[in-house]
Amino acid sequence: MMLKKQTVWLLTMVSLVVVLSVYYVTSPRDQASPLTPEQSADMVLGEDGEEWVLEDDVDVSAEAVEDEMFEVLRMEVQDERNALKEQLTTKVASNEFSSEEKNEAYNEMDELIKLESKEAMIETMIKGLGYEDALVRTEEDRVIISVKSAENAHSREAANELIQLGRKELGESKFVYVEFQPNE
């Protein structure tokens, strides 16, 4: 028994919506924002303006904030992409759009998932080169590679190696920008 092309398409879309819904429901909602160096370790203002007093034994330093910087940036990028995925999923599931528009949205979601996978792979490859941490972000036609490493690892040769890696994996047409974060 052959399923019609439209039925297969519908089942694919429904399964995609289910997978994305499960991901959305199980993803963490409230992420605590780290302290910035300008904030006092004794008192922090909450999002609603409420003052929180930290315990005396809590040590908040600029180094700790820098350690969390990559994670905060990762979460921001992930939040933006999750919002875009949710919009695209809504478009695919809606009856207000033509099948061409739905296919376009589905293809855009697929490209976004592939891009996330490539970025994660590049981060893993960079860490394999001996860097403590790496963050790869793609914005339109440019790629930003941030790496955390020792001061002596900041060189033109190291930056060139990372640029070549980014261009190889994400495309020659991309402008790759490398920034080194000191490992203190």
N, C-alpha and C. Protein backbone atom coordinates (compact mmCIF):
# COMPACT_ATOMS: atom_id res chain seq x y z
N MET A 1 0.84 -1.18 0.00
CA MET A 1 0.00 0.00 0.00
C MET A 1 0.89 1.24 0.00
N MET A 2 0.72 2.11 -0.94
CA MET A 2 1.52 3.34 -1.06
C MET A 2 0.80 4.49 -0.40
N LEU A 3 1.56 5.23 0.37
CA LEU A 3 1.01 6.43 0.96
C LEU A 3 1.13 7.57 -0.03
N LYS A 4 0.17 8.42 -0.02
CA LYS A 4 0.22 9.57 -0.92
C LYS A 4 1.32 10.52 -0.45
N LYS A 5 1.87 11.26 -1.38
CA LYS A 5 2.94 12.21 -1.08
C LYS A 5 2.49 13.23 -0.03
N GLN A 6 1.25 13.67 -0.13
CA GLN A 6 0.72 14.65 0.81
C GLN A 6 0.63 14.05 2.22
N THR A 7 0.28 12.79 2.34
CA THR A 7 0.18 12.12 3.64
C THR A 7 1.56 11.99 4.27
N VAL A 8 2.55 11.62 3.47
CA VAL A 8 3.91 11.51 3.98
C VAL A 8 4.39 12.87 4.46
N TRP A 9 4.12 13.90 3.69
CA TRP A 9 4.51 15.26 4.06
C TRP A 9 3.86 15.66 5.38
N LEU A 10 2.56 15.38 5.51
CA LEU A 10 1.84 15.72 6.72
C LEU A 10 2.39 14.98 7.93
N LEU A 11 2.68 13.69 7.79
CA LEU A 11 3.25 12.92 8.90
C LEU A 11 4.63 13.45 9.28
N THR A 12 5.42 13.85 8.31
CA THR A 12 6.73 14.42 8.59
C THR A 12 6.59 15.72 9.37
N MET A 13 5.68 16.57 8.96
CA MET A 13 5.47 17.85 9.65
C MET A 13 4.96 17.63 11.08
N VAL A 14 4.03 16.71 11.25
CA VAL A 14 3.50 16.43 12.58
C VAL A 14 4.60 15.90 13.50
N SER A 15 5.43 15.00 12.98
CA SER A 15 6.51 14.48 13.81
C SER A 15 7.52 15.57 14.15
N LEU A 16 7.80 16.46 13.22
CA LEU A 16 8.70 17.58 13.49
C LEU A 16 8.12 18.49 14.57
N VAL A 17 6.84 18.78 14.49
CA VAL A 17 6.19 19.62 15.50
C VAL A 17 6.26 18.95 16.87
N VAL A 18 6.05 17.65 16.92
CA VAL A 18 6.10 16.92 18.19
C VAL A 18 7.51 16.98 18.78
N VAL A 19 8.52 16.73 17.95
CA VAL A 19 9.90 16.75 18.43
C VAL A 19 10.27 18.14 18.94
N LEU A 20 9.94 19.18 18.17
CA LEU A 20 10.26 20.54 18.60
C LEU A 20 9.48 20.94 19.85
N SER A 21 8.25 20.48 19.96
CA SER A 21 7.45 20.78 21.16
C SER A 21 8.06 20.15 22.40
N VAL A 22 8.48 18.90 22.28
CA VAL A 22 9.12 18.21 23.41
C VAL A 22 10.40 18.94 23.79
N TYR A 23 11.19 19.33 22.78
CA TYR A 23 12.42 20.07 23.06
C TYR A 23 12.12 21.38 23.77
N TYR A 24 11.11 22.11 23.27
CA TYR A 24 10.76 23.40 23.86
C TYR A 24 10.28 23.23 25.31
N VAL A 25 9.47 22.22 25.56
CA VAL A 25 8.93 22.00 26.90
C VAL A 25 10.03 21.58 27.88
N THR A 26 10.99 20.79 27.41
CA THR A 26 12.03 20.30 28.33
C THR A 26 13.22 21.23 28.44
N SER A 27 13.31 22.25 27.59
CA SER A 27 14.46 23.17 27.68
C SER A 27 14.30 24.08 28.89
N PRO A 28 15.43 24.45 29.51
CA PRO A 28 15.36 25.31 30.70
C PRO A 28 14.80 26.68 30.33
N ARG A 29 13.96 27.21 31.19
CA ARG A 29 13.29 28.49 30.94
C ARG A 29 14.07 29.66 31.53
N ASP A 30 14.31 29.63 32.81
CA ASP A 30 14.92 30.75 33.52
C ASP A 30 16.41 30.51 33.69
N GLN A 31 17.19 31.29 33.03
CA GLN A 31 18.63 31.20 33.19
C GLN A 31 19.07 32.41 33.99
N ALA A 32 19.77 32.17 35.07
CA ALA A 32 20.25 33.27 35.89
C ALA A 32 21.32 34.02 35.13
N SER A 33 21.23 35.33 35.16
CA SER A 33 22.25 36.11 34.47
C SER A 33 23.44 36.30 35.40
N PRO A 34 24.66 36.21 34.86
CA PRO A 34 25.84 36.34 35.69
C PRO A 34 26.05 37.80 36.09
N LEU A 35 26.85 37.99 37.10
CA LEU A 35 27.19 39.34 37.52
C LEU A 35 28.20 39.93 36.56
N THR A 36 28.09 41.20 36.32
CA THR A 36 29.09 41.89 35.53
C THR A 36 30.08 42.53 36.49
N PRO A 37 31.27 42.86 36.00
CA PRO A 37 32.26 43.45 36.90
C PRO A 37 31.79 44.75 37.55
N GLU A 38 30.82 45.45 36.90
CA GLU A 38 30.33 46.70 37.47
C GLU A 38 29.41 46.49 38.67
N GLN A 39 28.85 45.29 38.80
CA GLN A 39 27.93 45.04 39.90
C GLN A 39 28.68 44.70 41.17
N SER A 40 28.13 45.11 42.27
CA SER A 40 28.74 44.84 43.56
C SER A 40 28.47 43.40 43.97
N ALA A 41 29.41 42.82 44.69
CA ALA A 41 29.23 41.45 45.17
C ALA A 41 28.30 41.44 46.38
N ASP A 42 28.07 42.59 46.97
CA ASP A 42 27.23 42.65 48.16
C ASP A 42 25.75 42.78 47.82
N MET A 43 25.43 43.49 46.75
CA MET A 43 24.04 43.75 46.44
C MET A 43 23.84 43.68 44.93
N VAL A 44 22.80 42.99 44.52
CA VAL A 44 22.49 42.85 43.12
C VAL A 44 21.02 43.19 42.94
N LEU A 45 20.70 43.92 41.89
CA LEU A 45 19.30 44.21 41.60
C LEU A 45 18.74 43.09 40.75
N GLY A 46 17.59 42.58 41.14
CA GLY A 46 16.93 41.55 40.35
C GLY A 46 16.26 42.17 39.15
N GLU A 47 15.67 41.34 38.28
CA GLU A 47 15.03 41.83 37.07
C GLU A 47 13.85 42.75 37.39
N ASP A 48 13.18 42.49 38.51
CA ASP A 48 12.02 43.30 38.86
C ASP A 48 12.40 44.49 39.75
N GLY A 49 13.68 44.79 39.89
CA GLY A 49 14.13 45.93 40.68
C GLY A 49 14.36 45.58 42.14
N GLU A 50 14.04 44.36 42.52
CA GLU A 50 14.21 43.93 43.91
C GLU A 50 15.69 43.73 44.20
N GLU A 51 16.13 44.17 45.37
CA GLU A 51 17.54 44.03 45.74
C GLU A 51 17.77 42.69 46.41
N TRP A 52 18.83 42.01 45.99
CA TRP A 52 19.22 40.76 46.61
C TRP A 52 20.56 41.00 47.27
N VAL A 53 20.70 40.53 48.49
CA VAL A 53 21.97 40.66 49.20
C VAL A 53 22.65 39.30 49.16
N LEU A 54 23.88 39.29 48.69
CA LEU A 54 24.62 38.05 48.61
C LEU A 54 25.32 37.77 49.93
N GLU A 55 25.53 36.50 50.19
CA GLU A 55 26.22 36.09 51.40
C GLU A 55 27.67 36.55 51.35
N ASP A 56 28.28 36.72 52.52
CA ASP A 56 29.66 37.19 52.60
C ASP A 56 30.65 36.20 52.02
N ASP A 57 30.34 34.90 52.06
CA ASP A 57 31.30 33.90 51.60
C ASP A 57 31.26 33.69 50.08
N VAL A 58 30.43 34.43 49.38
CA VAL A 58 30.37 34.32 47.93
C VAL A 58 31.46 35.19 47.33
N ASP A 59 32.30 34.59 46.49
CA ASP A 59 33.38 35.32 45.84
C ASP A 59 33.04 35.51 44.38
N VAL A 60 32.71 36.73 44.02
CA VAL A 60 32.39 37.06 42.65
C VAL A 60 33.55 37.89 42.11
N SER A 61 34.21 37.37 41.10
CA SER A 61 35.35 38.09 40.54
C SER A 61 35.16 38.26 39.05
N ALA A 62 35.96 39.14 38.48
CA ALA A 62 35.90 39.35 37.04
C ALA A 62 36.24 38.07 36.29
N GLU A 63 37.12 37.25 36.87
CA GLU A 63 37.50 35.99 36.24
C GLU A 63 36.30 35.06 36.13
N ALA A 64 35.49 34.99 37.18
CA ALA A 64 34.31 34.14 37.15
C ALA A 64 33.32 34.63 36.10
N VAL A 65 33.19 35.95 35.98
CA VAL A 65 32.29 36.51 34.98
C VAL A 65 32.78 36.17 33.58
N GLU A 66 34.10 36.27 33.35
CA GLU A 66 34.65 35.93 32.04
C GLU A 66 34.45 34.45 31.72
N ASP A 67 34.54 33.59 32.74
CA ASP A 67 34.32 32.16 32.52
C ASP A 67 32.89 31.89 32.05
N GLU A 68 31.95 32.68 32.55
CA GLU A 68 30.55 32.47 32.20
C GLU A 68 30.15 33.20 30.92
N MET A 69 31.01 34.06 30.41
CA MET A 69 30.67 34.85 29.24
C MET A 69 30.31 33.97 28.04
N PHE A 70 31.09 32.93 27.79
CA PHE A 70 30.81 32.05 26.66
C PHE A 70 29.45 31.37 26.84
N GLU A 71 29.16 30.94 28.05
CA GLU A 71 27.88 30.27 28.30
C GLU A 71 26.71 31.22 28.11
N VAL A 72 26.87 32.46 28.55
CA VAL A 72 25.81 33.45 28.39
C VAL A 72 25.58 33.72 26.90
N LEU A 73 26.67 33.88 26.15
CA LEU A 73 26.53 34.11 24.71
C LEU A 73 25.88 32.90 24.03
N ARG A 74 26.27 31.70 24.44
CA ARG A 74 25.66 30.48 23.88
C ARG A 74 24.15 30.47 24.13
N MET A 75 23.77 30.81 25.36
CA MET A 75 22.35 30.81 25.70
C MET A 75 21.58 31.87 24.91
N GLU A 76 22.18 33.04 24.71
CA GLU A 76 21.52 34.09 23.95
C GLU A 76 21.29 33.64 22.51
N VAL A 77 22.32 33.07 21.90
CA VAL A 77 22.19 32.59 20.52
C VAL A 77 21.14 31.48 20.46
N GLN A 78 21.18 30.57 21.42
CA GLN A 78 20.23 29.46 21.44
C GLN A 78 18.80 29.97 21.63
N ASP A 79 18.61 30.97 22.50
CA ASP A 79 17.28 31.54 22.69
C ASP A 79 16.75 32.18 21.41
N GLU A 80 17.61 32.93 20.71
CA GLU A 80 17.19 33.55 19.44
C GLU A 80 16.80 32.49 18.43
N ARG A 81 17.62 31.45 18.34
CA ARG A 81 17.34 30.39 17.36
C ARG A 81 16.10 29.58 17.74
N ASN A 82 15.90 29.36 19.02
CA ASN A 82 14.69 28.65 19.44
C ASN A 82 13.44 29.45 19.09
N ALA A 83 13.51 30.78 19.26
CA ALA A 83 12.37 31.63 18.90
C ALA A 83 12.11 31.55 17.39
N LEU A 84 13.18 31.58 16.60
CA LEU A 84 13.03 31.47 15.15
C LEU A 84 12.45 30.11 14.76
N LYS A 85 12.94 29.05 15.41
CA LYS A 85 12.41 27.70 15.12
C LYS A 85 10.92 27.62 15.47
N GLU A 86 10.56 28.24 16.58
CA GLU A 86 9.16 28.22 16.99
C GLU A 86 8.29 28.95 15.97
N GLN A 87 8.78 30.09 15.47
CA GLN A 87 8.04 30.82 14.44
C GLN A 87 7.89 29.98 13.17
N LEU A 88 8.96 29.33 12.79
CA LEU A 88 8.92 28.51 11.58
C LEU A 88 8.01 27.30 11.76
N THR A 89 8.04 26.70 12.95
CA THR A 89 7.16 25.57 13.22
C THR A 89 5.70 26.00 13.17
N THR A 90 5.41 27.16 13.72
CA THR A 90 4.05 27.69 13.68
C THR A 90 3.61 27.92 12.24
N LYS A 91 4.52 28.44 11.44
CA LYS A 91 4.22 28.70 10.02
C LYS A 91 3.94 27.39 9.30
N VAL A 92 4.75 26.37 9.57
CA VAL A 92 4.57 25.07 8.91
C VAL A 92 3.24 24.45 9.32
N ALA A 93 2.85 24.61 10.57
CA ALA A 93 1.63 23.98 11.06
C ALA A 93 0.36 24.79 10.74
N SER A 94 0.53 26.02 10.32
CA SER A 94 -0.61 26.90 10.07
C SER A 94 -1.29 26.58 8.73
N ASN A 95 -2.58 26.86 8.69
CA ASN A 95 -3.35 26.68 7.45
C ASN A 95 -3.37 27.96 6.62
N GLU A 96 -2.79 29.04 7.15
CA GLU A 96 -2.83 30.34 6.48
C GLU A 96 -1.79 30.47 5.36
N PHE A 97 -0.85 29.55 5.27
CA PHE A 97 0.23 29.67 4.30
C PHE A 97 0.11 28.59 3.23
N SER A 98 0.64 28.91 2.06
CA SER A 98 0.61 27.94 0.96
C SER A 98 1.64 26.84 1.22
N SER A 99 1.54 25.77 0.45
CA SER A 99 2.47 24.66 0.64
C SER A 99 3.89 25.09 0.28
N GLU A 100 4.04 26.00 -0.67
CA GLU A 100 5.38 26.51 -1.01
C GLU A 100 5.98 27.26 0.17
N GLU A 101 5.19 28.10 0.82
CA GLU A 101 5.68 28.86 1.97
C GLU A 101 6.02 27.93 3.13
N LYS A 102 5.22 26.90 3.30
CA LYS A 102 5.49 25.92 4.35
C LYS A 102 6.77 25.15 4.05
N ASN A 103 6.95 24.75 2.80
CA ASN A 103 8.18 24.05 2.43
C ASN A 103 9.40 24.95 2.62
N GLU A 104 9.25 26.22 2.30
CA GLU A 104 10.33 27.18 2.49
C GLU A 104 10.69 27.29 3.98
N ALA A 105 9.67 27.36 4.83
CA ALA A 105 9.91 27.44 6.27
C ALA A 105 10.56 26.15 6.78
N TYR A 106 10.11 25.02 6.28
CA TYR A 106 10.70 23.74 6.68
C TYR A 106 12.16 23.67 6.26
N ASN A 107 12.47 24.12 5.04
CA ASN A 107 13.85 24.12 4.56
C ASN A 107 14.72 25.08 5.39
N GLU A 108 14.15 26.20 5.78
CA GLU A 108 14.89 27.15 6.62
C GLU A 108 15.20 26.53 7.98
N MET A 109 14.24 25.79 8.54
CA MET A 109 14.48 25.09 9.81
C MET A 109 15.58 24.05 9.65
N ASP A 110 15.53 23.33 8.56
CA ASP A 110 16.54 22.31 8.28
C ASP A 110 17.93 22.94 8.17
N GLU A 111 18.03 24.07 7.47
CA GLU A 111 19.31 24.77 7.33
C GLU A 111 19.81 25.28 8.69
N LEU A 112 18.90 25.75 9.51
CA LEU A 112 19.27 26.24 10.84
C LEU A 112 19.82 25.10 11.71
N ILE A 113 19.21 23.95 11.62
CA ILE A 113 19.67 22.79 12.39
C ILE A 113 21.05 22.35 11.88
N LYS A 114 21.25 22.34 10.57
CA LYS A 114 22.56 21.99 10.01
C LYS A 114 23.63 23.00 10.44
N LEU A 115 23.27 24.28 10.45
CA LEU A 115 24.21 25.32 10.87
C LEU A 115 24.62 25.13 12.32
N GLU A 116 23.66 24.86 13.19
CA GLU A 116 23.96 24.62 14.61
C GLU A 116 24.90 23.43 14.76
N SER A 117 24.66 22.40 13.99
CA SER A 117 25.50 21.21 14.04
C SER A 117 26.93 21.52 13.59
N LYS A 118 27.08 22.28 12.52
CA LYS A 118 28.40 22.66 12.03
C LYS A 118 29.13 23.53 13.05
N GLU A 119 28.41 24.47 13.67
CA GLU A 119 29.04 25.33 14.68
C GLU A 119 29.54 24.50 15.85
N ALA A 120 28.72 23.56 16.32
CA ALA A 120 29.13 22.70 17.43
C ALA A 120 30.34 21.85 17.05
N MET A 121 30.36 21.36 15.82
CA MET A 121 31.48 20.55 15.36
C MET A 121 32.76 21.39 15.32
N ILE A 122 32.67 22.63 14.84
CA ILE A 122 33.84 23.51 14.79
C ILE A 122 34.33 23.81 16.20
N GLU A 123 33.41 24.05 17.12
CA GLU A 123 33.81 24.29 18.52
C GLU A 123 34.58 23.11 19.07
N THR A 124 34.10 21.91 18.79
CA THR A 124 34.78 20.70 19.25
C THR A 124 36.16 20.57 18.61
N MET A 125 36.26 20.88 17.33
CA MET A 125 37.54 20.81 16.64
C MET A 125 38.53 21.83 17.22
N ILE A 126 38.04 23.02 17.54
CA ILE A 126 38.91 24.06 18.10
C ILE A 126 39.41 23.63 19.48
N LYS A 127 38.53 23.07 20.29
CA LYS A 127 38.95 22.58 21.61
C LYS A 127 39.98 21.47 21.45
N GLY A 128 39.84 20.67 20.39
CA GLY A 128 40.80 19.61 20.11
C GLY A 128 42.17 20.15 19.72
N LEU A 129 42.22 21.40 19.29
CA LEU A 129 43.50 22.03 18.95
C LEU A 129 44.23 22.54 20.19
N GLY A 130 43.59 22.40 21.38
CA GLY A 130 44.25 22.78 22.62
C GLY A 130 43.71 24.05 23.28
N TYR A 131 42.65 24.62 22.74
CA TYR A 131 42.06 25.80 23.35
C TYR A 131 41.12 25.37 24.47
N GLU A 132 41.05 26.21 25.50
CA GLU A 132 40.22 25.86 26.66
C GLU A 132 38.74 25.83 26.32
N ASP A 133 38.28 26.84 25.57
CA ASP A 133 36.87 26.91 25.21
C ASP A 133 36.75 27.65 23.88
N ALA A 134 35.66 27.42 23.19
CA ALA A 134 35.43 28.08 21.90
C ALA A 134 33.94 28.32 21.73
N LEU A 135 33.63 29.39 21.02
CA LEU A 135 32.24 29.72 20.70
C LEU A 135 32.21 30.17 19.25
N VAL A 136 31.37 29.52 18.45
CA VAL A 136 31.24 29.86 17.03
C VAL A 136 29.81 30.34 16.80
N ARG A 137 29.70 31.54 16.25
CA ARG A 137 28.38 32.12 15.96
C ARG A 137 28.36 32.56 14.50
N THR A 138 27.29 32.23 13.80
CA THR A 138 27.13 32.63 12.42
C THR A 138 26.03 33.66 12.35
N GLU A 139 26.36 34.79 11.74
CA GLU A 139 25.38 35.87 11.57
C GLU A 139 25.41 36.29 10.11
N GLU A 140 24.38 35.92 9.37
CA GLU A 140 24.25 36.20 7.94
C GLU A 140 25.47 35.73 7.17
N ASP A 141 26.32 36.66 6.71
CA ASP A 141 27.47 36.26 5.88
C ASP A 141 28.80 36.31 6.63
N ARG A 142 28.75 36.33 7.95
CA ARG A 142 29.99 36.34 8.72
C ARG A 142 29.93 35.32 9.85
N VAL A 143 31.12 34.89 10.24
CA VAL A 143 31.26 33.91 11.32
C VAL A 143 32.18 34.52 12.37
N ILE A 144 31.76 34.46 13.62
CA ILE A 144 32.57 34.98 14.71
C ILE A 144 33.04 33.80 15.54
N ILE A 145 34.35 33.63 15.61
CA ILE A 145 34.94 32.55 16.40
C ILE A 145 35.63 33.19 17.60
N SER A 146 35.15 32.88 18.79
CA SER A 146 35.77 33.37 20.02
C SER A 146 36.42 32.18 20.71
N VAL A 147 37.68 32.36 21.08
CA VAL A 147 38.39 31.27 21.75
C VAL A 147 39.01 31.78 23.03
N LYS A 148 39.03 30.91 24.02
CA LYS A 148 39.68 31.22 25.29
C LYS A 148 40.98 30.43 25.31
N SER A 149 42.08 31.17 25.48
CA SER A 149 43.38 30.51 25.46
C SER A 149 44.39 31.32 26.24
N ALA A 150 45.55 30.73 26.44
CA ALA A 150 46.65 31.41 27.12
C ALA A 150 47.14 32.56 26.26
N GLU A 151 47.72 33.57 26.89
CA GLU A 151 48.21 34.75 26.17
C GLU A 151 49.18 34.39 25.05
N ASN A 152 50.04 33.41 25.28
CA ASN A 152 51.05 33.08 24.28
C ASN A 152 50.46 32.39 23.05
N ALA A 153 49.19 31.99 23.10
CA ALA A 153 48.56 31.32 21.96
C ALA A 153 47.92 32.33 21.00
N HIS A 154 47.94 33.61 21.35
CA HIS A 154 47.34 34.64 20.51
C HIS A 154 48.36 35.07 19.46
N SER A 155 48.23 34.55 18.26
CA SER A 155 49.16 34.91 17.20
C SER A 155 48.41 34.95 15.87
N ARG A 156 49.07 35.54 14.89
CA ARG A 156 48.48 35.60 13.55
C ARG A 156 48.30 34.19 12.99
N GLU A 157 49.28 33.32 13.27
CA GLU A 157 49.20 31.96 12.75
C GLU A 157 48.01 31.21 13.34
N ALA A 158 47.80 31.39 14.65
CA ALA A 158 46.67 30.73 15.31
C ALA A 158 45.35 31.26 14.76
N ALA A 159 45.26 32.59 14.60
CA ALA A 159 44.05 33.19 14.05
C ALA A 159 43.81 32.71 12.62
N ASN A 160 44.86 32.64 11.81
CA ASN A 160 44.73 32.18 10.44
C ASN A 160 44.25 30.73 10.39
N GLU A 161 44.77 29.89 11.28
CA GLU A 161 44.34 28.49 11.33
C GLU A 161 42.85 28.40 11.64
N LEU A 162 42.38 29.23 12.57
CA LEU A 162 40.96 29.21 12.94
C LEU A 162 40.10 29.77 11.80
N ILE A 163 40.59 30.79 11.12
CA ILE A 163 39.86 31.36 9.98
C ILE A 163 39.71 30.31 8.88
N GLN A 164 40.79 29.60 8.59
CA GLN A 164 40.74 28.57 7.55
C GLN A 164 39.78 27.45 7.93
N LEU A 165 39.79 27.07 9.20
CA LEU A 165 38.87 26.04 9.68
C LEU A 165 37.42 26.48 9.52
N GLY A 166 37.12 27.72 9.92
CA GLY A 166 35.77 28.24 9.78
C GLY A 166 35.32 28.31 8.34
N ARG A 167 36.18 28.78 7.46
CA ARG A 167 35.82 28.89 6.04
C ARG A 167 35.66 27.52 5.41
N LYS A 168 36.48 26.57 5.81
CA LYS A 168 36.39 25.22 5.26
C LYS A 168 35.05 24.57 5.63
N GLU A 169 34.64 24.74 6.86
CA GLU A 169 33.43 24.07 7.34
C GLU A 169 32.14 24.82 7.00
N LEU A 170 32.20 26.16 6.96
CA LEU A 170 30.97 26.94 6.76
C LEU A 170 30.87 27.61 5.40
N GLY A 171 31.90 27.52 4.61
CA GLY A 171 31.83 28.08 3.26
C GLY A 171 32.84 29.19 3.04
N GLU A 172 33.41 29.18 1.85
CA GLU A 172 34.44 30.15 1.49
C GLU A 172 33.89 31.57 1.41
N SER A 173 32.60 31.73 1.19
CA SER A 173 32.02 33.07 1.03
C SER A 173 31.82 33.78 2.36
N LYS A 174 32.00 33.08 3.46
CA LYS A 174 31.80 33.68 4.78
C LYS A 174 33.04 34.47 5.20
N PHE A 175 32.81 35.63 5.81
CA PHE A 175 33.88 36.40 6.42
C PHE A 175 34.04 35.87 7.84
N VAL A 176 35.23 35.40 8.18
CA VAL A 176 35.47 34.80 9.50
C VAL A 176 36.28 35.77 10.35
N TYR A 177 35.74 36.07 11.50
CA TYR A 177 36.37 36.98 12.45
C TYR A 177 36.76 36.17 13.69
N VAL A 178 38.01 36.28 14.13
CA VAL A 178 38.50 35.54 15.29
C VAL A 178 38.81 36.51 16.41
N GLU A 179 38.34 36.19 17.62
CA GLU A 179 38.69 36.99 18.79
C GLU A 179 39.20 36.06 19.89
N PHE A 180 40.29 36.46 20.48
CA PHE A 180 40.90 35.68 21.56
C PHE A 180 40.49 36.28 22.89
N GLN A 181 40.09 35.42 23.80
CA GLN A 181 39.80 35.83 25.18
C GLN A 181 40.90 35.28 26.05
N PRO A 182 41.51 36.10 26.88
CA PRO A 182 42.61 35.61 27.72
C PRO A 182 42.13 34.58 28.72
N ASN A 183 42.94 33.60 28.95
CA ASN A 183 42.67 32.55 29.93
C ASN A 183 43.42 32.92 31.20
N GLU A 184 42.69 33.41 32.17
CA GLU A 184 43.34 33.87 33.39
C GLU A 184 43.10 32.93 34.52
